[in-house]
Structures are given as structure tokens and as C-alpha cells.
Amino acid sequence: MRQVVSALQGVLRGGLERFGPRTVDAYIHRPRFELYDLEQDPDEVTNLAGRPEYAEMVDAFCAKLRQFQEDTEDPWLHKWVYE
């Protein structure tokens, strides 16, 4: 992770607009949920999370994540209330 952060900081300092196939803005302003078909979209460019046909899948993943956070007493569990 440290290398990614350092690379992104270098991109920002250099005034570049792209970080690989995505825009720097896309990395900084990420959507609340992200879902990608890694076989068809290995660069994670097309976020499927907002598409109606994937709503059940996103809801199921959210439920699993929230349950895991409850089970592990995750201090960030409160974010579900505020976001």
C-alpha cells in the first residue's frame, strides 16, 4: 500500500491527470460502493455497483461486511449510520 500512496502522491505533485487507466480524480473521489468484473475489466474502470441488475449482490456484500464488522467490534461500524 505504501508504494501506491507514494505513487499517487507523485502523480499529484507532478500535475498528472491520469493514474494508470483511471483519472486521478476517480481515485480521490471514489463512490461509496465499488463492484467490478475483474475478468472483463481488470483495470477496474467500469463500476457496476450502481446498476440495478447488481443491486442484490451489492446488498448481500454490504450485509456480509456489516456482520463482519459487528463480529469483530470494528470501530468504523458507526459509518453505516452516518453515510
Protein backbone atom coordinates (compact mmCIF):
# COMPACT_ATOMS: atom_id res chain seq x y z
CA MET A 1 0.00 0.00 0.00
CA ARG A 2 2.84 2.38 0.78
CA GLN A 3 4.03 2.19 -2.85
CA VAL A 4 0.57 3.02 -4.19
CA VAL A 5 0.24 6.02 -1.88
CA SER A 6 3.72 7.23 -2.80
CA ALA A 7 2.97 6.79 -6.50
CA LEU A 8 -0.31 8.69 -6.19
CA GLN A 9 1.40 11.49 -4.28
CA GLY A 10 3.99 11.67 -7.05
CA VAL A 11 1.25 11.89 -9.66
CA LEU A 12 -0.44 14.69 -7.71
CA ARG A 13 2.81 16.62 -7.28
CA GLY A 14 3.61 16.14 -10.96
CA GLY A 15 0.26 17.58 -12.01
CA LEU A 16 -0.68 14.47 -14.00
CA GLU A 17 -4.33 13.83 -14.74
CA ARG A 18 -4.21 10.04 -15.00
CA PHE A 19 -3.07 7.25 -12.71
CA GLY A 20 -2.95 4.25 -15.00
CA PRO A 21 -6.19 3.84 -16.95
CA ARG A 22 -8.21 5.93 -14.47
CA THR A 23 -8.19 9.64 -13.78
CA VAL A 24 -6.58 10.92 -10.59
CA ASP A 25 -9.96 12.43 -9.74
CA ALA A 26 -11.51 8.93 -9.92
CA TYR A 27 -9.05 7.73 -7.27
CA ILE A 28 -9.57 10.70 -4.97
CA HIS A 29 -13.38 10.88 -5.26
CA ARG A 30 -14.36 7.24 -5.04
CA PRO A 31 -18.01 6.16 -4.92
CA ARG A 32 -19.44 4.70 -1.74
CA PHE A 33 -19.51 1.18 -3.19
CA GLU A 34 -17.47 -0.35 -5.98
CA LEU A 35 -18.04 -3.62 -7.83
CA TYR A 36 -16.02 -4.71 -10.84
CA ASP A 37 -15.97 -7.69 -13.19
CA LEU A 38 -12.25 -8.41 -12.92
CA GLU A 39 -12.28 -10.84 -15.83
CA GLN A 40 -13.84 -8.33 -18.25
CA ASP A 41 -12.47 -5.18 -16.60
CA PRO A 42 -9.12 -5.96 -14.88
CA ASP A 43 -8.26 -2.24 -14.67
CA GLU A 44 -11.42 -1.59 -12.62
CA VAL A 45 -12.67 1.20 -14.84
CA THR A 46 -16.39 0.36 -15.02
CA ASN A 47 -18.06 0.36 -11.61
CA LEU A 48 -21.08 -1.96 -11.65
CA ALA A 49 -22.28 -1.19 -8.12
CA GLY A 50 -24.85 1.39 -9.19
CA ARG A 51 -26.50 -0.77 -11.83
CA PRO A 52 -29.93 -2.17 -10.89
CA GLU A 53 -29.06 -5.70 -12.03
CA TYR A 54 -26.28 -5.82 -9.38
CA ALA A 55 -28.29 -4.29 -6.50
CA GLU A 56 -28.93 -7.64 -4.78
CA MET A 57 -25.26 -8.56 -4.99
CA VAL A 58 -24.17 -5.21 -3.54
CA ASP A 59 -26.75 -5.53 -0.75
CA ALA A 60 -25.51 -9.04 0.07
CA PHE A 61 -21.89 -7.89 0.18
CA CYS A 62 -22.87 -4.97 2.43
CA ALA A 63 -24.70 -7.30 4.79
CA LYS A 64 -21.66 -9.60 4.99
CA LEU A 65 -19.35 -6.67 5.60
CA ARG A 66 -21.55 -5.18 8.30
CA GLN A 67 -21.89 -8.56 10.04
CA PHE A 68 -18.11 -9.00 9.96
CA GLN A 69 -17.68 -5.53 11.45
CA GLU A 70 -20.14 -6.35 14.23
CA ASP A 71 -18.46 -9.72 14.90
CA THR A 72 -15.01 -8.12 15.13
CA GLU A 73 -16.16 -5.00 17.01
CA ASP A 74 -14.83 -2.81 14.22
CA PRO A 75 -14.61 0.82 15.41
CA TRP A 76 -15.73 2.02 11.96
CA LEU A 77 -19.10 0.26 12.26
CA HIS A 78 -20.68 3.63 13.09
CA LYS A 79 -20.10 4.77 9.49
CA TRP A 80 -23.19 2.79 8.42
CA VAL A 81 -25.30 5.24 10.42
CA TYR A 82 -23.67 8.42 9.12
CA GLU A 83 -23.13 7.60 5.44
